[in-house]
PDB file of N, CA and C in Angstrom:
ATOM      1  N   MET A   1     182.792  85.355  94.526  1.00  0.00           N
ATOM      2  CA  MET A   1     181.714  85.562  93.603  1.00  0.00           C
ATOM      3  C   MET A   1     181.728  84.434  92.569  1.00  0.00           C
ATOM      4  N   GLN A   2     180.543  83.947  92.226  1.00  0.00           N
ATOM      5  CA  GLN A   2     180.443  82.849  91.268  1.00  0.00           C
ATOM      6  C   GLN A   2     179.562  83.231  90.081  1.00  0.00           C
ATOM      7  N   TYR A   3     179.824  82.558  88.962  1.00  0.00           N
ATOM      8  CA  TYR A   3     179.036  82.720  87.752  1.00  0.00           C
ATOM      9  C   TYR A   3     178.885  81.332  87.151  1.00  0.00           C
ATOM     10  N   PHE A   4     177.680  80.902  86.868  1.00  0.00           N
ATOM     11  CA  PHE A   4     177.422  79.542  86.391  1.00  0.00           C
ATOM     12  C   PHE A   4     178.059  78.511  87.322  1.00  0.00           C
ATOM     13  N   GLY A   5     178.081  78.803  88.619  1.00  0.00           N
ATOM     14  CA  GLY A   5     178.637  77.875  89.586  1.00  0.00           C
ATOM     15  C   GLY A   5     180.155  77.813  89.615  1.00  0.00           C
ATOM     16  N   VAL A   6     180.821  78.732  88.915  1.00  0.00           N
ATOM     17  CA  VAL A   6     182.283  78.750  88.853  1.00  0.00           C
ATOM     18  C   VAL A   6     182.787  79.991  89.582  1.00  0.00           C
ATOM     19  N   GLU A   7     183.782  79.791  90.438  1.00  0.00           N
ATOM     20  CA  GLU A   7     184.379  80.911  91.165  1.00  0.00           C
ATOM     21  C   GLU A   7     185.068  81.857  90.193  1.00  0.00           C
ATOM     22  N   LEU A   8     184.841  83.156  90.362  1.00  0.00           N
ATOM     23  CA  LEU A   8     185.426  84.166  89.480  1.00  0.00           C
ATOM     24  C   LEU A   8     186.652  84.781  90.146  1.00  0.00           C
ATOM     25  N   PRO A   9     187.846  84.461  89.661  1.00  0.00           N
ATOM     26  CA  PRO A   9     189.070  84.963  90.287  1.00  0.00           C
ATOM     27  C   PRO A   9     189.219  86.477  90.120  1.00  0.00           C
ATOM     28  N   GLY A  10     189.469  87.172  91.215  1.00  0.00           N
ATOM     29  CA  GLY A  10     189.733  88.607  91.172  1.00  0.00           C
ATOM     30  C   GLY A  10     188.521  89.483  90.963  1.00  0.00           C
ATOM     31  N   ALA A  11     187.319  88.911  90.955  1.00  0.00           N
ATOM     32  CA  ALA A  11     186.117  89.702  90.680  1.00  0.00           C
ATOM     33  C   ALA A  11     185.779  90.631  91.838  1.00  0.00           C
ATOM     34  N   ILE A  12     185.289  91.801  91.495  1.00  0.00           N
ATOM     35  CA  ILE A  12     184.804  92.802  92.444  1.00  0.00           C
ATOM     36  C   ILE A  12     183.337  93.029  92.110  1.00  0.00           C
ATOM     37  N   MET A  13     182.471  93.053  93.100  1.00  0.00           N
ATOM     38  CA  MET A  13     181.046  93.278  92.872  1.00  0.00           C
ATOM     39  C   MET A  13     180.774  94.778  92.745  1.00  0.00           C
ATOM     40  N   THR A  14     180.131  95.178  91.656  1.00  0.00           N
ATOM     41  CA  THR A  14     179.741  96.583  91.506  1.00  0.00           C
ATOM     42  C   THR A  14     178.504  96.846  92.361  1.00  0.00           C
ATOM     43  N   PRO A  15     178.177  98.100  92.636  1.00  0.00           N
ATOM     44  CA  PRO A  15     176.984  98.382  93.439  1.00  0.00           C
ATOM     45  C   PRO A  15     175.694  97.801  92.845  1.00  0.00           C
ATOM     46  N   ASP A  16     175.656  97.638  91.514  1.00  0.00           N
ATOM     47  CA  ASP A  16     174.446  97.053  90.916  1.00  0.00           C
ATOM     48  C   ASP A  16     174.548  95.540  90.738  1.00  0.00           C
ATOM     49  N   GLY A  17     175.541  94.910  91.390  1.00  0.00           N
ATOM     50  CA  GLY A  17     175.627  93.459  91.448  1.00  0.00           C
ATOM     51  C   GLY A  17     176.317  92.774  90.294  1.00  0.00           C
ATOM     52  N   LYS A  18     177.032  93.515  89.456  1.00  0.00           N
ATOM     53  CA  LYS A  18     177.738  92.906  88.326  1.00  0.00           C
ATOM     54  C   LYS A  18     179.198  92.653  88.691  1.00  0.00           C
ATOM     55  N   PRO A  19     179.772  91.579  88.178  1.00  0.00           N
ATOM     56  CA  PRO A  19     181.199  91.334  88.439  1.00  0.00           C
ATOM     57  C   PRO A  19     182.065  92.245  87.571  1.00  0.00           C
ATOM     58  N   ALA A  20     183.139  92.752  88.174  1.00  0.00           N
ATOM     59  CA  ALA A  20     184.072  93.638  87.478  1.00  0.00           C
ATOM     60  C   ALA A  20     185.495  93.215  87.841  1.00  0.00           C
ATOM     61  N   TRP A  21     186.435  93.567  86.977  1.00  0.00           N
ATOM     62  CA  TRP A  21     187.841  93.218  87.197  1.00  0.00           C
ATOM     63  C   TRP A  21     188.731  94.411  86.947  1.00  0.00           C
ATOM     64  N   ARG A  22     189.793  94.513  87.738  1.00  0.00           N
ATOM     65  CA  ARG A  22     190.840  95.496  87.446  1.00  0.00           C
ATOM     66  C   ARG A  22     191.663  94.958  86.283  1.00  0.00           C
ATOM     67  N   LYS A  23     192.351  95.847  85.615  1.00  0.00           N
ATOM     68  CA  LYS A  23     193.120  95.496  84.429  1.00  0.00           C
ATOM     69  C   LYS A  23     194.065  94.322  84.677  1.00  0.00           C
ATOM     70  N   ASN A  24     194.747  94.320  85.813  1.00  0.00           N
ATOM     71  CA  ASN A  24     195.707  93.243  86.114  1.00  0.00           C
ATOM     72  C   ASN A  24     195.034  91.899  86.366  1.00  0.00           C
ATOM     73  N   ASP A  25     193.757  91.907  86.745  1.00  0.00           N
ATOM     74  CA  ASP A  25     193.038  90.664  87.028  1.00  0.00           C
ATOM     75  C   ASP A  25     192.297  90.119  85.810  1.00  0.00           C
ATOM     76  N   LEU A  26     192.200  90.912  84.744  1.00  0.00           N
ATOM     77  CA  LEU A  26     191.436  90.500  83.576  1.00  0.00           C
ATOM     78  C   LEU A  26     191.975  89.240  82.891  1.00  0.00           C
ATOM     79  N   PRO A  27     193.294  89.031  82.773  1.00  0.00           N
ATOM     80  CA  PRO A  27     193.766  87.808  82.109  1.00  0.00           C
ATOM     81  C   PRO A  27     193.226  86.520  82.737  1.00  0.00           C
ATOM     82  N   ALA A  28     193.067  86.495  84.047  1.00  0.00           N
ATOM     83  CA  ALA A  28     192.520  85.298  84.700  1.00  0.00           C
ATOM     84  C   ALA A  28     191.072  85.069  84.262  1.00  0.00           C
ATOM     85  N   LEU A  29     190.294  86.139  84.145  1.00  0.00           N
ATOM     86  CA  LEU A  29     188.919  86.000  83.679  1.00  0.00           C
ATOM     87  C   LEU A  29     188.893  85.522  82.231  1.00  0.00           C
ATOM     88  N   LEU A  30     189.732  86.084  81.386  1.00  0.00           N
ATOM     89  CA  LEU A  30     189.720  85.714  79.972  1.00  0.00           C
ATOM     90  C   LEU A  30     190.108  84.252  79.786  1.00  0.00           C
ATOM     91  N   ALA A  31     191.060  83.782  80.558  1.00  0.00           N
ATOM     92  CA  ALA A  31     191.438  82.363  80.493  1.00  0.00           C
ATOM     93  C   ALA A  31     190.266  81.488  80.944  1.00  0.00           C
ATOM     94  N   LEU A  32     189.572  81.915  81.982  1.00  0.00           N
ATOM     95  CA  LEU A  32     188.416  81.161  82.476  1.00  0.00           C
ATOM     96  C   LEU A  32     187.272  81.193  81.457  1.00  0.00           C
ATOM     97  N   ALA A  33     187.048  82.342  80.836  1.00  0.00           N
ATOM     98  CA  ALA A  33     185.994  82.450  79.819  1.00  0.00           C
ATOM     99  C   ALA A  33     186.270  81.489  78.668  1.00  0.00           C
ATOM    100  N   GLU A  34     187.518  81.394  78.270  1.00  0.00           N
ATOM    101  CA  GLU A  34     187.865  80.473  77.191  1.00  0.00           C
ATOM    102  C   GLU A  34     187.647  79.020  77.614  1.00  0.00           C
ATOM    103  N   LYS A  35     188.062  78.703  78.815  1.00  0.00           N
ATOM    104  CA  LYS A  35     187.918  77.335  79.323  1.00  0.00           C
ATOM    105  C   LYS A  35     186.445  76.937  79.488  1.00  0.00           C
ATOM    106  N   GLN A  36     185.634  77.887  79.955  1.00  0.00           N
ATOM    107  CA  GLN A  36     184.221  77.603  80.244  1.00  0.00           C
ATOM    108  C   GLN A  36     183.295  77.858  79.052  1.00  0.00           C
ATOM    109  N   ASP A  37     183.834  78.314  77.928  1.00  0.00           N
ATOM    110  CA  ASP A  37     183.026  78.664  76.753  1.00  0.00           C
ATOM    111  C   ASP A  37     182.015  79.761  77.056  1.00  0.00           C
ATOM    112  N   TRP A  38     182.493  80.822  77.702  1.00  0.00           N
ATOM    113  CA  TRP A  38     181.667  81.990  77.948  1.00  0.00           C
ATOM    114  C   TRP A  38     181.922  82.996  76.846  1.00  0.00           C
ATOM    115  N   VAL A  39     180.878  83.632  76.383  1.00  0.00           N
ATOM    116  CA  VAL A  39     180.969  84.665  75.363  1.00  0.00           C
ATOM    117  C   VAL A  39     180.859  86.021  76.055  1.00  0.00           C
ATOM    118  N   ILE A  40     181.730  86.933  75.671  1.00  0.00           N
ATOM    119  CA  ILE A  40     181.680  88.306  76.179  1.00  0.00           C
ATOM    120  C   ILE A  40     180.944  89.115  75.116  1.00  0.00           C
ATOM    121  N   LEU A  41     179.741  89.568  75.440  1.00  0.00           N
ATOM    122  CA  LEU A  41     178.898  90.283  74.489  1.00  0.00           C
ATOM    123  C   LEU A  41     179.096  91.788  74.534  1.00  0.00           C
ATOM    124  N   GLY A  42     180.110  92.229  75.229  1.00  0.00           N
ATOM    125  CA  GLY A  42     180.386  93.649  75.358  1.00  0.00           C
ATOM    126  C   GLY A  42     180.814  93.948  76.772  1.00  0.00           C
ATOM    127  N   GLY A  43     180.751  95.204  77.124  1.00  0.00           N
ATOM    128  CA  GLY A  43     181.127  95.573  78.472  1.00  0.00           C
ATOM    129  C   GLY A  43     181.266  97.070  78.624  1.00  0.00           C
ATOM    130  N   ALA A  44     181.785  97.451  79.768  1.00  0.00           N
ATOM    131  CA  ALA A  44     181.976  98.864  80.081  1.00  0.00           C
ATOM    132  C   ALA A  44     183.217  99.005  80.958  1.00  0.00           C
ATOM    133  N   ILE A  45     183.760 100.199  80.944  1.00  0.00           N
ATOM    134  CA  ILE A  45     184.871 100.515  81.840  1.00  0.00           C
ATOM    135  C   ILE A  45     184.355 101.537  82.845  1.00  0.00           C
ATOM    136  N   LEU A  46     184.594 101.232  84.116  1.00  0.00           N
ATOM    137  CA  LEU A  46     184.217 102.131  85.207  1.00  0.00           C
ATOM    138  C   LEU A  46     185.463 102.657  85.888  1.00  0.00           C
ATOM    139  N   LYS A  47     185.335 103.831  86.484  1.00  0.00           N
ATOM    140  CA  LYS A  47     186.424 104.354  87.308  1.00  0.00           C
ATOM    141  C   LYS A  47     186.434 103.572  88.623  1.00  0.00           C
ATOM    142  N   ALA A  48     187.491 103.717  89.396  1.00  0.00           N
ATOM    143  CA  ALA A  48     187.637 102.968  90.650  1.00  0.00           C
ATOM    144  C   ALA A  48     186.470 103.203  91.611  1.00  0.00           C
ATOM    145  N   ASP A  49     185.825 104.388  91.522  1.00  0.00           N
ATOM    146  CA  ASP A  49     184.689 104.694  92.400  1.00  0.00           C
ATOM    147  C   ASP A  49     183.361 104.206  91.808  1.00  0.00           C
ATOM    148  N   PHE A  50     183.420 103.385  90.758  1.00  0.00           N
ATOM    149  CA  PHE A  50     182.273 102.791  90.074  1.00  0.00           C
ATOM    150  C   PHE A  50     181.513 103.767  89.181  1.00  0.00           C
ATOM    151  N   SER A  51     182.021 104.964  89.006  1.00  0.00           N
ATOM    152  CA  SER A  51     181.369 105.895  88.081  1.00  0.00           C
ATOM    153  C   SER A  51     181.786 105.548  86.652  1.00  0.00           C
ATOM    154  N   PRO A  52     180.941 105.852  85.666  1.00  0.00           N
ATOM    155  CA  PRO A  52     181.267 105.497  84.280  1.00  0.00           C
ATOM    156  C   PRO A  52     182.509 106.230  83.784  1.00  0.00           C
ATOM    157  N   ALA A  53     183.334 105.524  83.065  1.00  0.00           N
ATOM    158  CA  ALA A  53     184.526 106.137  82.460  1.00  0.00           C
ATOM    159  C   ALA A  53     184.228 106.581  81.031  1.00  0.00           C
ATOM    160  N   GLY A  54     183.009 106.354  80.564  1.00  0.00           N
ATOM    161  CA  GLY A  54     182.605 106.788  79.238  1.00  0.00           C
ATOM    162  C   GLY A  54     182.960 105.813  78.127  1.00  0.00           C
ATOM    163  N   VAL A  55     183.339 104.594  78.477  1.00  0.00           N
ATOM    164  CA  VAL A  55     183.680 103.597  77.471  1.00  0.00           C
ATOM    165  C   VAL A  55     182.737 102.412  77.626  1.00  0.00           C
ATOM    166  N   ARG A  56     182.079 102.079  76.532  1.00  0.00           N
ATOM    167  CA  ARG A  56     181.169 100.936  76.516  1.00  0.00           C
ATOM    168  C   ARG A  56     181.252 100.305  75.132  1.00  0.00           C
ATOM    169  N   TRP A  57     181.166  98.989  75.078  1.00  0.00           N
ATOM    170  CA  TRP A  57     181.164  98.326  73.774  1.00  0.00           C
ATOM    171  C   TRP A  57     180.173  97.177  73.783  1.00  0.00           C
ATOM    172  N   ASP A  58     179.636  96.890  72.596  1.00  0.00           N
ATOM    173  CA  ASP A  58     178.691  95.794  72.414  1.00  0.00           C
ATOM    174  C   ASP A  58     179.160  94.936  71.252  1.00  0.00           C
ATOM    175  N   ILE A  59     178.919  93.650  71.362  1.00  0.00           N
ATOM    176  CA  ILE A  59     179.329  92.705  70.330  1.00  0.00           C
ATOM    177  C   ILE A  59     178.116  91.871  69.933  1.00  0.00           C
ATOM    178  N   ILE A  60     177.946  91.712  68.646  1.00  0.00           N
ATOM    179  CA  ILE A  60     176.950  90.775  68.129  1.00  0.00           C
ATOM    180  C   ILE A  60     177.753  89.680  67.433  1.00  0.00           C
ATOM    181  N   PRO A  61     177.833  88.497  68.039  1.00  0.00           N
ATOM    182  CA  PRO A  61     178.629  87.420  67.441  1.00  0.00           C
ATOM    183  C   PRO A  61     178.136  87.051  66.046  1.00  0.00           C
ATOM    184  N   GLU A  62     179.087  86.771  65.182  1.00  0.00           N
ATOM    185  CA  GLU A  62     178.755  86.355  63.827  1.00  0.00           C
ATOM    186  C   GLU A  62     178.046  85.007  63.869  1.00  0.00           C
ATOM    187  N   ARG A  63     176.966  84.934  63.147  1.00  0.00           N
ATOM    188  CA  ARG A  63     176.183  83.691  63.113  1.00  0.00           C
ATOM    189  C   ARG A  63     176.934  82.625  62.325  1.00  0.00           C
ATOM    190  N   LYS A  64     176.957  81.424  62.815  1.00  0.00           N
ATOM    191  CA  LYS A  64     177.599  80.290  62.141  1.00  0.00           C
ATOM    192  C   LYS A  64     176.560  79.205  61.911  1.00  0.00           C
ATOM    193  N   ARG A  65     176.877  78.271  61.042  1.00  0.00           N
ATOM    194  CA  ARG A  65     175.918  77.220  60.680  1.00  0.00           C
ATOM    195  C   ARG A  65     175.689  76.215  61.798  1.00  0.00           C
ATOM    196  N   ASN A  66     176.704  76.007  62.640  1.00  0.00           N
ATOM    197  CA  ASN A  66     176.536  75.032  63.715  1.00  0.00           C
ATOM    198  C   ASN A  66     177.116  75.582  65.012  1.00  0.00           C
ATOM    199  N   TYR A  67     176.717  74.965  66.103  1.00  0.00           N
ATOM    200  CA  TYR A  67     177.123  75.442  67.422  1.00  0.00           C
ATOM    201  C   TYR A  67     178.631  75.380  67.620  1.00  0.00           C
ATOM    202  N   ARG A  68     179.278  74.310  67.183  1.00  0.00           N
ATOM    203  CA  ARG A  68     180.722  74.167  67.402  1.00  0.00           C
ATOM    204  C   ARG A  68     181.497  75.329  66.779  1.00  0.00           C
ATOM    205  N   ASP A  69     181.192  75.667  65.541  1.00  0.00           N
ATOM    206  CA  ASP A  69     181.877  76.784  64.882  1.00  0.00           C
ATOM    207  C   ASP A  69     181.536  78.115  65.534  1.00  0.00           C
ATOM    208  N   PHE A  70     180.262  78.279  65.891  1.00  0.00           N
ATOM    209  CA  PHE A  70     179.843  79.511  66.552  1.00  0.00           C
ATOM    210  C   PHE A  70     180.568  79.690  67.883  1.00  0.00           C
ATOM    211  N   ARG A  71     180.588  78.634  68.678  1.00  0.00           N
ATOM    212  CA  ARG A  71     181.190  78.701  70.015  1.00  0.00           C
ATOM    213  C   ARG A  71     182.627  79.196  69.943  1.00  0.00           C
ATOM    214  N   ARG A  72     183.425  78.564  69.122  1.00  0.00           N
ATOM    215  CA  ARG A  72     184.840  78.932  69.040  1.00  0.00           C
ATOM    216  C   ARG A  72     185.014  80.373  68.553  1.00  0.00           C
ATOM    217  N   SER A  73     184.279  80.743  67.527  1.00  0.00           N
ATOM    218  CA  SER A  73     184.381  82.078  66.960  1.00  0.00           C
ATOM    219  C   SER A  73     183.924  83.152  67.955  1.00  0.00           C
ATOM    220  N   ALA A  74     182.771  82.929  68.585  1.00  0.00           N
ATOM    221  CA  ALA A  74     182.208  83.918  69.504  1.00  0.00           C
ATOM    222  C   ALA A  74     183.056  84.082  70.764  1.00  0.00           C
ATOM    223  N   VAL A  75     183.522  82.969  71.314  1.00  0.00           N
ATOM    224  CA  VAL A  75     184.368  83.039  72.516  1.00  0.00           C
ATOM    225  C   VAL A  75     185.659  83.786  72.200  1.00  0.00           C
ATOM    226  N   ASP A  76     186.313  83.420  71.108  1.00  0.00           N
ATOM    227  CA  ASP A  76     187.579  84.061  70.741  1.00  0.00           C
ATOM    228  C   ASP A  76     187.405  85.544  70.449  1.00  0.00           C
ATOM    229  N   PHE A  77     186.347  85.898  69.722  1.00  0.00           N
ATOM    230  CA  PHE A  77     186.138  87.297  69.376  1.00  0.00           C
ATOM    231  C   PHE A  77     185.840  88.141  70.616  1.00  0.00           C
ATOM    232  N   GLY A  78     185.020  87.633  71.513  1.00  0.00           N
ATOM    233  CA  GLY A  78     184.723  88.368  72.752  1.00  0.00           C
ATOM    234  C   GLY A  78     185.961  88.598  73.590  1.00  0.00           C
ATOM    235  N   ILE A  79     186.826  87.593  73.687  1.00  0.00           N
ATOM    236  CA  ILE A  79     188.072  87.723  74.449  1.00  0.00           C
ATOM    237  C   ILE A  79     188.973  88.760  73.795  1.00  0.00           C
ATOM    238  N   GLN A  80     189.075  88.719  72.483  1.00  0.00           N
ATOM    239  CA  GLN A  80     189.896  89.680  71.755  1.00  0.00           C
ATOM    240  C   GLN A  80     189.414  91.115  71.994  1.00  0.00           C
ATOM    241  N   GLU A  81     188.107  91.330  71.930  1.00  0.00           N
ATOM    242  CA  GLU A  81     187.552  92.666  72.155  1.00  0.00           C
ATOM    243  C   GLU A  81     187.785  93.139  73.589  1.00  0.00           C
ATOM    244  N   ALA A  82     187.638  92.257  74.562  1.00  0.00           N
ATOM    245  CA  ALA A  82     187.888  92.631  75.962  1.00  0.00           C
ATOM    246  C   ALA A  82     189.354  93.033  76.144  1.00  0.00           C
ATOM    247  N   ARG A  83     190.276  92.298  75.524  1.00  0.00           N
ATOM    248  CA  ARG A  83     191.699  92.665  75.598  1.00  0.00           C
ATOM    249  C   ARG A  83     191.947  94.042  74.994  1.00  0.00           C
ATOM    250  N   GLU A  84     191.342  94.287  73.841  1.00  0.00           N
ATOM    251  CA  GLU A  84     191.513  95.590  73.176  1.00  0.00           C
ATOM    252  C   GLU A  84     191.020  96.723  74.068  1.00  0.00           C
ATOM    253  N   HIS A  85     189.862  96.558  74.649  1.00  0.00           N
ATOM    254  CA  HIS A  85     189.307  97.613  75.492  1.00  0.00           C
ATOM    255  C   HIS A  85     190.084  97.767  76.800  1.00  0.00           C
ATOM    256  N   SER A  86     190.681  96.705  77.287  1.00  0.00           N
ATOM    257  CA  SER A  86     191.447  96.817  78.535  1.00  0.00           C
ATOM    258  C   SER A  86     192.697  97.676  78.337  1.00  0.00           C
ATOM    259  N   ARG A  87     193.167  97.792  77.117  1.00  0.00           N
ATOM    260  CA  ARG A  87     194.370  98.598  76.854  1.00  0.00           C
ATOM    261  C   ARG A  87     194.155 100.083  77.113  1.00  0.00           C
ATOM    262  N   ILE A  88     192.915 100.529  77.031  1.00  0.00           N
ATOM    263  CA  ILE A  88     192.662 101.958  77.219  1.00  0.00           C
ATOM    264  C   ILE A  88     192.297 102.326  78.659  1.00  0.00           C
ATOM    265  N   CYS A  89     192.188 101.348  79.513  1.00  0.00           N
ATOM    266  CA  CYS A  89     191.806 101.671  80.886  1.00  0.00           C
ATOM    267  C   CYS A  89     193.031 101.736  81.787  1.00  0.00           C
ATOM    268  N   GLY A  90     192.910 102.531  82.848  1.00  0.00           N
ATOM    269  CA  GLY A  90     193.983 102.668  83.819  1.00  0.00           C
ATOM    270  C   GLY A  90     194.043 101.477  84.755  1.00  0.00           C
ATOM    271  N   GLN A  91     195.098 101.384  85.517  1.00  0.00           N
ATOM    272  CA  GLN A  91     195.310 100.256  86.425  1.00  0.00           C
ATOM    273  C   GLN A  91     194.199 100.117  87.468  1.00  0.00           C
ATOM    274  N   GLU A  92     193.639 101.214  87.914  1.00  0.00           N
ATOM    275  CA  GLU A  92     192.598 101.156  88.947  1.00  0.00           C
ATOM    276  C   GLU A  92     191.189 101.122  88.377  1.00  0.00           C
ATOM    277  N   ASP A  93     191.047 101.345  87.075  1.00  0.00           N
ATOM    278  CA  ASP A  93     189.729 101.269  86.454  1.00  0.00           C
ATOM    279  C   ASP A  93     189.206  99.841  86.519  1.00  0.00           C
ATOM    280  N   LEU A  94     187.917  99.694  86.352  1.00  0.00           N
ATOM    281  CA  LEU A  94     187.265  98.387  86.396  1.00  0.00           C
ATOM    282  C   LEU A  94     186.659  98.059  85.039  1.00  0.00           C
ATOM    283  N   ILE A  95     186.798  96.831  84.627  1.00  0.00           N
ATOM    284  CA  ILE A  95     186.206  96.345  83.387  1.00  0.00           C
ATOM    285  C   ILE A  95     185.025  95.458  83.764  1.00  0.00           C
ATOM    286  N   VAL A  96     183.863  95.771  83.215  1.00  0.00           N
ATOM    287  CA  VAL A  96     182.636  95.041  83.530  1.00  0.00           C
ATOM    288  C   VAL A  96     182.144  94.365  82.244  1.00  0.00           C
ATOM    289  N   PRO A  97     182.551  93.115  82.019  1.00  0.00           N
ATOM    290  CA  PRO A  97     182.113  92.429  80.798  1.00  0.00           C
ATOM    291  C   PRO A  97     180.719  91.842  80.955  1.00  0.00           C
ATOM    292  N   GLU A  98     180.015  91.735  79.832  1.00  0.00           N
ATOM    293  CA  GLU A  98     178.717  91.058  79.816  1.00  0.00           C
ATOM    294  C   GLU A  98     178.961  89.621  79.380  1.00  0.00           C
ATOM    295  N   LEU A  99     178.876  88.706  80.329  1.00  0.00           N
ATOM    296  CA  LEU A  99     179.161  87.289  80.087  1.00  0.00           C
ATOM    297  C   LEU A  99     177.883  86.486  79.910  1.00  0.00           C
ATOM    298  N   VAL A 100     177.900  85.598  78.925  1.00  0.00           N
ATOM    299  CA  VAL A 100     176.828  84.610  78.765  1.00  0.00           C
ATOM    300  C   VAL A 100     177.484  83.311  78.323  1.00  0.00           C
ATOM    301  N   SER A 101     176.802  82.225  78.530  1.00  0.00           N
ATOM    302  CA  SER A 101     177.326  80.950  78.032  1.00  0.00           C
ATOM    303  C   SER A 101     177.248  80.955  76.501  1.00  0.00           C
ATOM    304  N   ALA A 102     178.149  80.231  75.873  1.00  0.00           N
ATOM    305  CA  ALA A 102     178.134  80.156  74.415  1.00  0.00           C
ATOM    306  C   ALA A 102     176.806  79.575  73.918  1.00  0.00           C
ATOM    307  N   MET A 103     176.256  78.615  74.626  1.00  0.00           N
ATOM    308  CA  MET A 103     174.981  78.031  74.217  1.00  0.00           C
ATOM    309  C   MET A 103     173.863  79.073  74.272  1.00  0.00           C
ATOM    310  N   GLU A 104     173.845  79.868  75.336  1.00  0.00           N
ATOM    311  CA  GLU A 104     172.824  80.921  75.438  1.00  0.00           C
ATOM    312  C   GLU A 104     172.968  81.920  74.280  1.00  0.00           C
ATOM    313  N   ALA A 105     174.199  82.303  73.983  1.00  0.00           N
ATOM    314  CA  ALA A 105     174.425  83.236  72.873  1.00  0.00           C
ATOM    315  C   ALA A 105     173.986  82.621  71.549  1.00  0.00           C
ATOM    316  N   PHE A 106     174.245  81.333  71.360  1.00  0.00           N
ATOM    317  CA  PHE A 106     173.880  80.658  70.108  1.00  0.00           C
ATOM    318  C   PHE A 106     172.369  80.543  69.960  1.00  0.00           C
ATOM    319  N   VAL A 107     171.705  80.135  71.008  1.00  0.00           N
ATOM    320  CA  VAL A 107     170.252  79.916  70.959  1.00  0.00           C
ATOM    321  C   VAL A 107     169.499  81.248  70.864  1.00  0.00           C
ATOM    322  N   CYS A 108     169.950  82.251  71.589  1.00  0.00           N
ATOM    323  CA  CYS A 108     169.228  83.520  71.667  1.00  0.00           C
ATOM    324  C   CYS A 108     169.523  84.457  70.497  1.00  0.00           C
ATOM    325  N   ARG A 109     170.599  84.232  69.780  1.00  0.00           N
ATOM    326  CA  ARG A 109     170.967  85.090  68.652  1.00  0.00           C
ATOM    327  C   ARG A 109     170.475  84.456  67.362  1.00  0.00           C
ATOM    328  N   ARG A 110     169.294  84.795  66.941  1.00  0.00           N
ATOM    329  CA  ARG A 110     168.712  84.227  65.736  1.00  0.00           C
ATOM    330  C   ARG A 110     169.356  84.844  64.487  1.00  0.00           C
ATOM    331  N   PRO A 111     169.453  84.062  63.415  1.00  0.00           N
ATOM    332  CA  PRO A 111     170.009  84.614  62.189  1.00  0.00           C
ATOM    333  C   PRO A 111     169.138  85.757  61.668  1.00  0.00           C
ATOM    334  N   GLU A 112     169.799  86.700  61.012  1.00  0.00           N
ATOM    335  CA  GLU A 112     169.053  87.873  60.498  1.00  0.00           C
ATOM    336  C   GLU A 112     168.394  87.553  59.181  1.00  0.00           C
TER     337      GLU A 112
END
């Protein structure tokens, strides 16, 4: 499975076509997200059978004055939140993060 033309290590396709990872495979995704400047805007935890586990989170990245500051802050914060949420899921549960490029998050998130 690929995202932005990059192979996603350990990804499992959900029935609705979203990439998901088991808890043990998540560190590889987080390292790749940091390397590729992907922002995690939230996500959900599913049971192994793809049914909802009742956990969902959303992130609105803090607006920064320039792209460079925004990128670093948004990427780091999304990774931190994904790690926090992975702590509550079981080994067979699936984590389905909402990934976007840092540029897309910067351009599409207008200041309030």
